[in-house]
Amino acid sequence: RTIKAFATPPKEISAVFSCVVNLLATLDDSIDVDKSGKPKDTGWKQSKILMQVPQKLMEKLANFKDQIDKGQVPPYNFRANKGTLNDPNFNKEKIQKVSS
């Protein structure tokens, strides 16, 4: 089963993709943002839209560091994930366990 086939994914997977949506806001046209560039939706529905063309998503992620280096990623995109990244339950082991 592919990740995007989930009607409702495990919370850890949803959290990962919520972070991806935040990071790619204003950089990916498939992410609907408000006037300040913040994603209007960081939930699973938006994540599935982002995954509609997997190759495009993989290219965006592969090129993300270059966009950071060029100053193209707004600071908010990182700050938006601070709460998730500080959550002790958001860790590599738990994410790997539910995604395998």
Protein backbone atom coordinates (compact mmCIF):
# COMPACT_ATOMS: atom_id res chain seq x y z
CA ARG A 1 0.00 0.00 0.00
CA THR A 2 1.32 3.42 -0.85
CA ILE A 3 1.23 6.28 1.62
CA LYS A 4 -1.16 8.35 -0.45
CA ALA A 5 -3.66 5.46 -0.46
CA PHE A 6 -4.41 6.00 3.25
CA ALA A 7 -7.78 7.60 3.93
CA THR A 8 -6.35 8.56 7.30
CA PRO A 9 -2.66 7.85 7.86
CA PRO A 10 -0.97 7.15 11.18
CA LYS A 11 -0.45 10.42 13.08
CA GLU A 12 3.32 10.18 12.65
CA ILE A 13 3.01 10.07 8.85
CA SER A 14 0.52 12.91 8.89
CA ALA A 15 2.95 14.97 11.00
CA VAL A 16 5.81 14.36 8.56
CA PHE A 17 3.74 15.51 5.62
CA SER A 18 2.41 18.49 7.53
CA CYS A 19 6.05 19.56 7.98
CA VAL A 20 6.70 19.03 4.27
CA VAL A 21 3.69 21.19 3.37
CA ASN A 22 4.98 23.94 5.67
CA LEU A 23 8.48 23.75 4.23
CA LEU A 24 7.31 23.88 0.61
CA ALA A 25 4.69 26.62 1.10
CA THR A 26 5.18 29.34 -1.56
CA LEU A 27 7.63 27.05 -3.37
CA ASP A 28 5.10 24.56 -4.74
CA ASP A 29 2.06 25.79 -6.67
CA SER A 30 -0.07 22.89 -5.47
CA ILE A 31 -0.01 24.30 -1.91
CA ASP A 32 -2.74 26.87 -1.39
CA VAL A 33 -1.36 29.71 0.76
CA ASP A 34 -2.87 32.81 2.34
CA LYS A 35 -1.70 36.39 1.69
CA SER A 36 1.23 35.99 4.08
CA GLY A 37 2.42 32.78 2.40
CA LYS A 38 1.23 30.41 5.10
CA PRO A 39 -0.46 27.19 3.96
CA LYS A 40 -4.23 27.29 4.31
CA ASP A 41 -4.25 23.56 5.01
CA THR A 42 -1.43 21.38 6.34
CA GLY A 43 -3.60 18.31 6.77
CA TRP A 44 -3.78 15.02 4.93
CA LYS A 45 -5.96 16.42 2.13
CA GLN A 46 -3.24 18.91 1.16
CA SER A 47 -0.55 16.26 1.57
CA LYS A 48 -2.35 13.98 -0.89
CA ILE A 49 -2.53 16.83 -3.39
CA LEU A 50 1.20 17.34 -2.97
CA MET A 51 1.78 13.62 -3.67
CA GLN A 52 -0.31 13.49 -6.84
CA VAL A 53 2.86 13.67 -8.92
CA PRO A 54 5.45 11.81 -6.82
CA GLN A 55 8.35 12.65 -9.14
CA LYS A 56 7.62 16.38 -8.81
CA LEU A 57 7.57 16.09 -5.01
CA MET A 58 10.84 14.16 -4.97
CA GLU A 59 12.48 16.79 -7.20
CA LYS A 60 11.22 19.60 -4.93
CA LEU A 61 12.67 17.85 -1.90
CA ALA A 62 15.96 17.06 -3.67
CA ASN A 63 16.35 20.73 -4.66
CA PHE A 64 15.21 22.15 -1.32
CA LYS A 65 18.72 22.80 0.04
CA ASP A 66 19.54 24.85 -3.06
CA GLN A 67 16.45 26.96 -2.44
CA ILE A 68 17.53 27.49 1.17
CA ASP A 69 21.02 28.48 0.05
CA LYS A 70 19.53 30.98 -2.42
CA GLY A 71 17.34 32.52 0.31
CA GLN A 72 14.12 31.44 -1.41
CA VAL A 73 12.59 29.73 1.64
CA PRO A 74 10.77 32.14 3.96
CA PRO A 75 11.76 31.87 7.66
CA TYR A 76 8.13 31.10 8.54
CA ASN A 77 8.37 27.80 6.67
CA PHE A 78 10.85 26.59 9.29
CA ARG A 79 9.18 28.21 12.32
CA ALA A 80 5.88 26.56 11.43
CA ASN A 81 7.41 23.16 12.20
CA LYS A 82 8.99 24.06 15.52
CA GLY A 83 6.20 22.56 17.63
CA THR A 84 6.26 19.26 15.75
CA LEU A 85 10.03 19.02 15.86
CA ASN A 86 10.05 19.67 19.62
CA ASP A 87 7.49 16.92 20.26
CA PRO A 88 9.34 14.00 21.92
CA ASN A 89 6.94 11.58 20.20
CA PHE A 90 8.07 12.86 16.79
CA ASN A 91 11.19 10.82 16.23
CA LYS A 92 12.84 8.70 13.57
CA GLU A 93 12.17 5.36 15.27
CA LYS A 94 8.42 5.90 15.63
CA ILE A 95 8.10 7.20 12.10
CA GLN A 96 10.02 4.24 10.68
CA LYS A 97 7.93 1.80 12.70
CA VAL A 98 4.60 3.04 11.32
CA SER A 99 5.87 3.50 7.77
CA SER A 100 7.30 0.01 7.28
